[in-house]
């Protein structure tokens, strides 16, 4: 069912960067096909300015206050930023340059050249940062400079991606190229064709308890020394491209649960579901459970789903063959068009991704109605993690759940095994590419 994508091939020749394999330098004209340049090589058009400033606070400003600050910051930035020979140059001081446009799922290519003792980085979605170091500066070895550039330096200590996997920096005086793929918070970084960060979650520096912002600008940070940038270009990714990328990563050990043609291997109320264009669809006005034949204890499940306007369904976790999955199963994870007006007054534990009635997921990460979403659910003991479109929206231990919606008990909460499946609620919600991997 899936077409191949160029963007996530591990081989540079397969992603439109074949010329980088054979050469050590990057030509000024080297912007890959399909990318849109966001620096015209002549002016600062398309860029704003901002210091290290919280996007949360920035958004909270009044329109007038925001406009005043932006004008002030840009006036200051112009004292430190210039364009020379098609290169964007900063003297090591002043506010950062910020793309005027926000990005959600995208691929970025950008070249940079810096000097000894300089320290810089690239903020993604307004959050720091893909680090750029002087990898020879012994005074910063204790901070990780000796490991090289490209790591997600503001991730927590020990978190995936904080340090680059390899030292890939070129000597001073040579141009370096980043290729960065970001789907949700999932971030992959190549530096000079070497993989330095592999599909790691980028943490939200501004709010550690929340996922990375759904969308935001690209920011060029600088302090401590001159840095030059060129060939800054972005390829925005469709929902289909983003989903295919996410599903291609870490997929060893998964078994398909749906053949794309029939409901073979499913039980419960199959008469209320149908297969349409390679997807399982709950029939309009019908519902009930559609469950796997096998039972599962600890597992990771992957599924794509598409919601109609106001659509409602659920993922049954460790469910018995009968009953209401929200209570008889360990839990029902909501599959819901959370932003539809008819759901405006729901309890926070009833919105998409929530463990129904027990633990609230973070809202705001569903794609537009009619687009396919990609979700991964990890069940390990009593711990549940839900990752939606590359963003962790729920990570909770249900053993700690004490406050239940309407004080209604969940008798199935402590079930140690059960079926996986769908809990229909009369709406034509669709599911496809359903797979599972059992955990110890």
Protein backbone atom coordinates (compact mmCIF):
# COMPACT_ATOMS: atom_id res chain seq x y z
CA UNK A 1 0.00 0.00 0.00
CA UNK A 2 2.81 2.39 0.71
CA UNK A 3 4.83 4.20 -1.89
CA UNK A 4 8.51 4.69 -1.21
CA UNK A 5 9.71 8.08 0.00
CA UNK A 6 13.00 9.67 -0.83
CA UNK A 7 13.31 11.76 2.27
CA UNK A 8 14.15 9.09 4.82
CA UNK A 9 16.41 6.72 2.91
CA UNK A 10 19.63 6.11 4.77
CA UNK A 11 21.55 6.34 1.53
CA UNK A 12 22.37 9.88 0.49
CA UNK A 13 22.03 9.06 -3.19
CA UNK A 14 18.43 8.04 -2.64
CA UNK A 15 17.39 11.32 -1.07
CA UNK A 16 18.57 13.76 -3.63
CA UNK A 17 21.94 14.35 -1.99
CA UNK A 18 23.99 12.01 -4.15
CA UNK A 19 26.40 14.79 -5.09
CA UNK A 20 27.34 15.21 -1.43
CA UNK A 21 28.75 11.72 -1.27
CA UNK A 22 31.41 12.38 -3.85
CA UNK A 23 32.50 15.85 -2.75
CA UNK A 24 33.85 17.44 0.39
CA UNK A 25 32.45 20.90 -0.26
CA UNK A 26 28.93 22.10 -0.81
CA UNK A 27 28.34 24.41 -3.74
CA UNK A 28 26.39 27.62 -3.28
CA UNK A 29 23.77 26.32 -5.72
CA UNK A 30 23.25 23.02 -3.93
CA UNK A 31 19.62 23.17 -2.78
CA UNK A 32 17.91 19.81 -3.32
CA UNK A 33 14.98 19.41 -5.66
CA UNK A 34 11.63 19.82 -3.92
CA UNK A 35 12.97 22.22 -1.31
CA UNK A 36 12.01 25.88 -0.98
CA UNK A 37 14.73 28.38 -0.15
CA UNK A 38 13.92 30.57 2.87
CA UNK A 39 16.97 32.83 2.43
CA UNK A 40 17.19 34.71 -0.85
CA UNK A 41 20.94 35.34 -0.58
CA UNK A 42 20.44 39.10 -0.75
CA UNK A 43 18.20 40.39 2.04
CA UNK A 44 16.62 39.51 5.39
CA UNK A 45 13.20 39.23 3.75
CA UNK A 46 11.20 36.37 5.26
CA UNK A 47 12.95 36.65 8.60
CA UNK A 48 12.05 38.22 11.92
CA UNK A 49 14.28 38.68 14.96
CA UNK A 50 13.95 37.40 18.51
CA UNK A 51 16.28 36.88 21.44
CA UNK A 52 16.11 33.79 23.66
CA UNK A 53 12.45 34.38 24.43
CA UNK A 54 9.71 31.94 25.36
CA UNK A 55 7.21 31.30 22.55
CA UNK A 56 4.59 30.86 25.27
CA UNK A 57 5.20 34.38 26.57
CA UNK A 58 5.47 35.72 23.02
CA UNK A 59 2.08 34.31 22.08
CA UNK A 60 0.54 35.72 25.27
CA UNK A 61 1.49 39.31 24.34
CA UNK A 62 -1.14 41.62 22.94
CA UNK A 63 -0.93 42.28 19.21
CA UNK A 64 0.42 45.77 19.82
CA UNK A 65 3.01 44.64 22.36
CA UNK A 66 4.12 41.82 20.07
CA UNK A 67 4.49 44.16 17.11
CA UNK A 68 6.48 46.63 19.20
CA UNK A 69 8.90 43.96 20.40
CA UNK A 70 9.35 42.54 16.90
CA UNK A 71 10.19 45.99 15.56
CA UNK A 72 12.65 46.61 18.39
CA UNK A 73 14.34 43.23 17.98
CA UNK A 74 14.69 43.57 14.22
CA UNK A 75 16.21 47.04 14.55
CA UNK A 76 18.78 45.58 16.93
CA UNK A 77 19.37 42.52 14.75
CA UNK A 78 20.24 44.65 11.74
CA UNK A 79 23.24 45.95 13.67
CA UNK A 80 24.66 42.43 13.88
CA UNK A 81 23.35 40.57 10.83
CA UNK A 82 24.32 41.24 7.23
CA UNK A 83 24.40 39.56 3.82
CA UNK A 84 27.74 39.10 2.07
CA UNK A 85 28.22 37.24 -1.21
CA UNK A 86 25.01 35.27 -0.76
CA UNK A 87 25.87 34.38 2.84
CA UNK A 88 23.96 35.32 5.98
CA UNK A 89 26.53 36.65 8.45
CA UNK A 90 26.31 37.35 12.17
CA UNK A 91 29.07 38.96 14.21
CA UNK A 92 28.43 36.86 17.31
CA UNK A 93 25.96 39.18 19.03
CA UNK A 94 22.39 40.42 18.90
CA UNK A 95 18.99 38.75 18.63
CA UNK A 96 18.56 35.57 16.62
CA UNK A 97 17.00 35.45 13.19
CA UNK A 98 13.63 33.69 13.14
CA UNK A 99 11.78 32.40 10.09
CA UNK A 100 8.60 34.38 9.53
CA UNK A 101 6.83 31.10 8.80
CA UNK A 102 6.08 28.27 11.22
CA UNK A 103 6.70 24.64 10.29
CA UNK A 104 5.12 21.39 11.50
CA UNK A 105 6.55 18.32 9.73
CA UNK A 106 9.46 19.18 7.51
CA UNK A 107 12.99 18.58 6.30
CA UNK A 108 15.58 21.35 6.58
CA UNK A 109 18.93 21.72 4.86
CA UNK A 110 21.29 24.44 5.99
CA UNK A 111 25.00 25.15 5.59
CA UNK A 112 27.12 26.94 8.17
CA UNK A 113 30.71 27.99 8.70
CA UNK A 114 32.00 29.31 11.99
CA UNK A 115 35.20 30.25 13.83
CA UNK A 116 37.06 29.04 16.94
CA UNK A 117 35.38 29.77 20.29
CA UNK A 118 32.01 30.46 18.65
CA UNK A 119 28.87 28.82 20.00
CA UNK A 120 25.64 28.62 18.07
CA UNK A 121 22.68 26.44 17.26
CA UNK A 122 19.38 26.05 15.47
CA UNK A 123 16.11 26.32 17.37
CA UNK A 124 13.39 24.05 15.96
CA UNK A 125 9.77 25.08 16.41
CA UNK A 126 11.09 27.87 18.62
CA UNK A 127 12.79 25.51 21.06
CA UNK A 128 16.55 25.10 21.59
CA UNK A 129 18.41 23.47 19.97
CA UNK A 130 20.51 21.57 17.47
CA UNK A 131 23.91 22.49 18.88
CA UNK A 132 26.87 23.97 17.01
CA UNK A 133 30.15 23.83 18.94
CA UNK A 134 33.80 24.62 18.64
CA UNK A 135 34.72 20.97 19.06
CA UNK A 136 38.33 21.93 19.85
CA UNK A 137 37.50 24.27 22.76
CA UNK A 138 38.81 22.41 25.80
CA UNK A 139 37.08 24.86 28.17
CA UNK A 140 33.74 23.47 26.99
CA UNK A 141 34.60 19.79 26.95
CA UNK A 142 32.79 19.42 30.26
CA UNK A 143 29.65 20.63 28.48
CA UNK A 144 30.08 18.17 25.63
CA UNK A 145 31.85 20.25 22.99
CA UNK A 146 34.35 17.46 22.37
CA UNK A 147 31.50 15.26 21.11
CA UNK A 148 30.87 17.66 18.25
CA UNK A 149 27.87 19.45 16.82
CA UNK A 150 24.38 18.27 15.95
CA UNK A 151 23.08 17.00 19.28
CA UNK A 152 19.82 18.13 20.88
CA UNK A 153 21.80 19.82 23.60
CA UNK A 154 18.87 21.04 25.68
CA UNK A 155 17.42 17.56 26.10
CA UNK A 156 17.67 16.18 29.62
CA UNK A 157 20.87 14.49 30.73
CA UNK A 158 20.96 10.95 29.37
CA UNK A 159 18.04 11.50 27.00
CA UNK A 160 18.27 10.14 23.47
CA UNK A 161 19.73 12.63 21.04
CA UNK A 162 21.32 14.94 23.60
CA UNK A 163 24.80 14.05 22.39
CA UNK A 164 25.68 13.40 18.75
CA UNK A 165 26.42 9.79 17.86
CA UNK A 166 29.64 10.73 16.07
CA UNK A 167 31.96 13.70 15.75
CA UNK A 168 31.14 14.93 12.25
CA UNK A 169 32.33 18.57 12.26
CA UNK A 170 34.66 19.76 9.52
CA UNK A 171 37.75 21.87 10.30
CA UNK A 172 37.25 25.61 10.68
CA UNK A 173 37.15 27.42 7.37
CA UNK A 174 35.08 24.69 5.71
CA UNK A 175 31.35 24.63 5.21
CA UNK A 176 29.24 22.13 7.16
CA UNK A 177 25.80 20.93 6.13
CA UNK A 178 22.94 19.89 8.38
CA UNK A 179 20.03 17.86 7.11
CA UNK A 180 17.33 17.80 9.75
CA UNK A 181 14.07 15.85 9.58
CA UNK A 182 11.46 16.70 12.20
CA UNK A 183 8.11 14.90 12.43
CA UNK A 184 6.30 16.11 15.51
CA UNK A 185 9.03 16.02 18.15
CA UNK A 186 10.83 13.12 16.45
CA UNK A 187 14.08 14.60 15.21
CA UNK A 188 16.78 13.14 12.98
CA UNK A 189 19.98 15.07 12.29
CA UNK A 190 22.65 14.42 9.69
CA UNK A 191 25.84 16.48 9.80
CA UNK A 192 28.03 16.26 6.72
CA UNK A 193 26.19 13.08 5.67
CA UNK A 194 26.77 11.37 9.02
CA UNK A 195 23.83 10.41 11.22
CA UNK A 196 24.32 12.17 14.55
CA UNK A 197 20.77 12.05 15.99
CA UNK A 198 18.46 9.19 15.09
CA UNK A 199 14.73 9.82 15.45
CA UNK A 200 15.02 11.18 19.00
CA UNK A 201 12.29 13.09 20.81
CA UNK A 202 13.20 16.78 21.07
CA UNK A 203 12.11 18.03 24.46
CA UNK A 204 10.18 21.24 25.01
CA UNK A 205 12.77 23.44 26.68
CA UNK A 206 10.14 26.00 27.65
CA UNK A 207 7.73 23.54 29.28
CA UNK A 208 9.30 20.22 30.22
CA UNK A 209 5.92 18.75 31.14
CA UNK A 210 4.51 19.26 27.64
CA UNK A 211 5.44 17.95 24.20
CA UNK A 212 7.34 20.13 21.77
CA UNK A 213 5.12 22.74 20.16
CA UNK A 214 3.10 21.35 17.26
CA UNK A 215 4.54 24.00 14.95
CA UNK A 216 6.97 26.86 15.19
CA UNK A 217 9.74 28.79 13.47
CA UNK A 218 13.32 27.94 12.64
CA UNK A 219 15.71 30.19 14.60
CA UNK A 220 19.38 30.82 13.94
CA UNK A 221 21.07 31.28 17.28
CA UNK A 222 24.46 32.88 17.67
CA UNK A 223 26.78 34.11 20.37
CA UNK A 224 30.49 34.31 20.94
CA UNK A 225 31.83 34.51 17.40
CA UNK A 226 31.09 35.00 13.74
CA UNK A 227 28.95 32.45 11.99
CA UNK A 228 27.90 32.29 8.34
CA UNK A 229 24.87 30.54 6.88
CA UNK A 230 23.78 29.72 3.34
CA UNK A 231 21.60 27.30 1.36
CA UNK A 232 18.75 27.47 3.88
CA UNK A 233 15.85 25.50 2.45
CA UNK A 234 12.82 23.60 3.70
CA UNK A 235 10.66 20.81 2.35
CA UNK A 236 7.31 20.64 4.12
CA UNK A 237 5.99 17.10 4.47
CA UNK A 238 2.45 15.91 3.91
CA UNK A 239 0.61 13.76 6.43
CA UNK A 240 1.22 10.74 4.20
CA UNK A 241 4.96 11.42 4.03
CA UNK A 242 5.19 12.04 7.76
CA UNK A 243 3.31 8.85 8.60
CA UNK A 244 5.42 6.77 6.27
CA UNK A 245 8.58 8.16 7.80
CA UNK A 246 7.43 7.42 11.36
CA UNK A 247 6.29 3.90 10.48
CA UNK A 248 9.64 3.14 8.85
CA UNK A 249 11.60 3.70 12.04
CA UNK A 250 12.17 1.03 14.67
CA UNK A 251 9.77 -1.39 13.02
CA UNK A 252 11.66 -4.62 13.74
CA UNK A 253 9.58 -7.22 15.55
CA UNK A 254 6.16 -5.88 14.55
CA UNK A 255 3.47 -8.21 13.22
CA UNK A 256 0.65 -6.95 11.02
CA UNK A 257 -2.83 -7.45 12.48
CA UNK A 258 -4.78 -6.43 9.38
CA UNK A 259 -4.33 -7.76 5.84
CA UNK A 260 -5.92 -4.70 4.23
CA UNK A 261 -8.62 -6.84 2.60
CA UNK A 262 -10.71 -8.63 5.20
CA UNK A 263 -11.51 -8.91 8.89
CA UNK A 264 -9.83 -12.29 9.17
CA UNK A 265 -8.26 -12.59 12.60
CA UNK A 266 -10.75 -10.22 14.23
CA UNK A 267 -13.70 -11.00 16.47
CA UNK A 268 -16.37 -9.28 18.54
CA UNK A 269 -18.79 -7.36 16.33
CA UNK A 270 -17.28 -7.68 12.84
CA UNK A 271 -20.74 -7.21 11.32
CA UNK A 272 -20.56 -3.57 12.43
CA UNK A 273 -17.30 -2.91 10.61
CA UNK A 274 -16.28 -3.01 6.95
CA UNK A 275 -13.11 -2.87 4.88
CA UNK A 276 -12.99 0.07 2.49
CA UNK A 277 -9.95 1.05 0.40
CA UNK A 278 -7.57 -0.92 2.58
CA UNK A 279 -8.91 0.40 5.87
CA UNK A 280 -11.14 -0.94 8.64
CA UNK A 281 -14.13 1.37 9.00
CA UNK A 282 -16.80 1.38 11.67
CA UNK A 283 -20.16 1.57 9.94
CA UNK A 284 -22.21 4.72 10.40
CA UNK A 285 -24.68 4.30 13.24
CA UNK A 286 -23.05 1.12 14.49
CA UNK A 287 -20.30 0.29 16.92
CA UNK A 288 -19.17 -2.25 19.45
CA UNK A 289 -15.84 -3.96 19.82
CA UNK A 290 -13.63 -5.32 17.06
CA UNK A 291 -10.89 -7.30 18.78
CA UNK A 292 -7.89 -9.43 17.91
CA UNK A 293 -8.19 -13.19 18.25
CA UNK A 294 -5.04 -13.26 20.37
CA UNK A 295 -4.52 -11.72 23.78
CA UNK A 296 -1.58 -9.51 24.65
CA UNK A 297 0.11 -8.54 27.89
CA UNK A 298 2.86 -5.99 27.27
CA UNK A 299 3.15 -4.62 23.75
CA UNK A 300 3.65 -1.74 21.36
CA UNK A 301 0.83 -1.18 18.87
CA UNK A 302 0.99 1.02 15.80
CA UNK A 303 -2.01 2.25 13.86
CA UNK A 304 -3.04 4.95 11.45
CA UNK A 305 -6.53 6.40 11.86
CA UNK A 306 -8.70 8.94 10.12
CA UNK A 307 -11.49 10.83 11.83
CA UNK A 308 -14.60 12.27 10.23
CA UNK A 309 -15.88 15.53 11.67
CA UNK A 310 -16.98 14.80 15.24
CA UNK A 311 -15.77 11.20 14.99
CA UNK A 312 -15.54 9.02 18.09
CA UNK A 313 -13.93 5.61 18.58
CA UNK A 314 -11.35 4.10 20.90
CA UNK A 315 -8.48 1.67 21.27
CA UNK A 316 -9.37 -1.21 23.57
CA UNK A 317 -6.38 -2.21 25.72
CA UNK A 318 -6.28 -5.67 27.38
CA UNK A 319 -9.98 -6.05 26.73
CA UNK A 320 -12.21 -9.05 27.45
CA UNK A 321 -14.56 -10.21 24.69
CA UNK A 322 -17.56 -8.39 26.13
CA UNK A 323 -18.50 -5.27 28.03
CA UNK A 324 -17.63 -1.60 27.73
CA UNK A 325 -13.91 -1.31 27.02
CA UNK A 326 -13.69 1.95 28.95
CA UNK A 327 -14.38 -0.03 32.13
CA UNK A 328 -14.10 -3.78 31.50
CA UNK A 329 -10.72 -3.49 29.76
CA UNK A 330 -7.56 -2.15 31.33
CA UNK A 331 -8.51 1.05 29.55
CA UNK A 332 -9.96 2.53 26.40
CA UNK A 333 -7.70 5.10 24.79
CA UNK A 334 -9.89 7.75 23.20
CA UNK A 335 -9.89 8.23 19.43
CA UNK A 336 -11.80 11.46 19.09
CA UNK A 337 -12.13 14.64 17.02
CA UNK A 338 -11.38 16.58 20.18
CA UNK A 339 -11.77 20.06 18.68
CA UNK A 340 -15.29 19.52 17.36
CA UNK A 341 -17.71 21.99 19.02
CA UNK A 342 -19.95 19.22 20.34
CA UNK A 343 -17.11 18.05 22.58
CA UNK A 344 -16.30 21.48 24.02
CA UNK A 345 -17.46 20.61 27.52
CA UNK A 346 -15.92 17.17 27.95
CA UNK A 347 -13.79 16.30 30.93
CA UNK A 348 -10.07 16.53 30.09
CA UNK A 349 -9.84 12.73 30.52
CA UNK A 350 -12.25 12.19 27.62
CA UNK A 351 -10.26 13.83 24.83
CA UNK A 352 -8.15 12.09 22.21
CA UNK A 353 -5.39 9.85 23.53
CA UNK A 354 -6.65 9.91 27.10
CA UNK A 355 -7.04 6.79 29.20
CA UNK A 356 -10.78 7.21 29.41
CA UNK A 357 -11.88 8.73 32.69
CA UNK A 358 -8.48 8.24 34.33
CA UNK A 359 -5.60 10.16 32.71
CA UNK A 360 -5.75 13.15 30.38
CA UNK A 361 -3.65 13.36 27.23
CA UNK A 362 -2.25 16.63 25.91
CA UNK A 363 -4.49 18.19 23.28
CA UNK A 364 -3.61 19.95 20.05
CA UNK A 365 -1.65 17.32 18.11
CA UNK A 366 -4.32 15.77 15.88
CA UNK A 367 -4.06 16.47 12.18
CA UNK A 368 -6.91 18.18 10.37
CA UNK A 369 -10.11 16.18 9.98
CA UNK A 370 -9.85 13.99 6.90
CA UNK A 371 -6.09 13.43 7.20
CA UNK A 372 -4.52 10.21 8.43
CA UNK A 373 -2.90 10.31 11.86
CA UNK A 374 -0.15 7.98 13.06
CA UNK A 375 -0.25 6.67 16.62
CA UNK A 376 1.96 4.36 18.65
CA UNK A 377 0.80 2.95 21.97
CA UNK A 378 3.12 1.28 24.47
CA UNK A 379 1.65 -0.85 27.26
CA UNK A 380 4.13 -2.12 29.85
CA UNK A 381 2.69 -3.30 33.12
CA UNK A 382 0.41 -0.51 34.27
CA UNK A 383 2.27 2.11 32.29
CA UNK A 384 0.70 3.55 29.13
CA UNK A 385 2.41 5.81 26.61
CA UNK A 386 0.65 7.34 23.62
CA UNK A 387 2.65 8.96 20.84
CA UNK A 388 0.56 10.83 18.27
CA UNK A 389 2.15 12.04 15.04
CA UNK A 390 5.58 11.96 16.67
CA UNK A 391 4.50 13.67 19.91
CA UNK A 392 4.16 11.94 23.28
CA UNK A 393 0.74 13.10 24.46
CA UNK A 394 0.31 10.66 27.34
CA UNK A 395 2.86 8.89 29.53
CA UNK A 396 1.34 7.70 32.75
CA UNK A 397 1.26 4.89 35.30
CA UNK A 398 -2.37 3.89 35.69
CA UNK A 399 -1.51 2.23 38.99
CA UNK A 400 -1.37 5.77 40.32
CA UNK A 401 -4.83 6.72 39.05
CA UNK A 402 -6.92 7.76 42.03
CA UNK A 403 -9.47 10.25 40.71
CA UNK A 404 -11.95 8.69 38.29
CA UNK A 405 -14.47 10.46 36.09
CA UNK A 406 -17.83 10.63 37.88
CA UNK A 407 -16.24 8.48 40.61
CA UNK A 408 -16.95 5.47 38.42
CA UNK A 409 -14.68 2.53 39.12
CA UNK A 410 -12.76 0.70 36.39
CA UNK A 411 -12.99 -3.00 37.30
CA UNK A 412 -10.79 -4.02 34.36
CA UNK A 413 -7.95 -1.66 35.28
CA UNK A 414 -5.69 -4.35 36.73
CA UNK A 415 -6.17 -6.86 33.92
CA UNK A 416 -2.76 -8.27 33.02
CA UNK A 417 -3.70 -9.54 29.57
CA UNK A 418 -6.45 -9.12 27.01
CA UNK A 419 -7.36 -8.34 23.43
CA UNK A 420 -6.41 -5.27 21.44
CA UNK A 421 -8.84 -3.57 19.12
CA UNK A 422 -11.34 -0.86 18.38
CA UNK A 423 -14.32 0.44 20.32
CA UNK A 424 -16.78 1.94 17.86
CA UNK A 425 -19.28 4.64 18.80
CA UNK A 426 -21.50 5.02 15.70
CA UNK A 427 -19.07 7.06 13.60
CA UNK A 428 -17.18 5.99 10.42
CA UNK A 429 -13.71 6.24 11.93
CA UNK A 430 -11.10 4.39 9.83
CA UNK A 431 -8.00 2.40 10.78
CA UNK A 432 -5.19 0.99 8.66
CA UNK A 433 -1.61 -0.29 8.92
CA UNK A 434 -2.33 -1.94 12.26
CA UNK A 435 0.62 -3.82 13.77
CA UNK A 436 1.82 -5.01 17.14
CA UNK A 437 5.05 -6.03 18.84
CA UNK A 438 5.00 -8.03 22.05
CA UNK A 439 7.25 -6.93 24.89
CA UNK A 440 8.71 -9.14 27.63
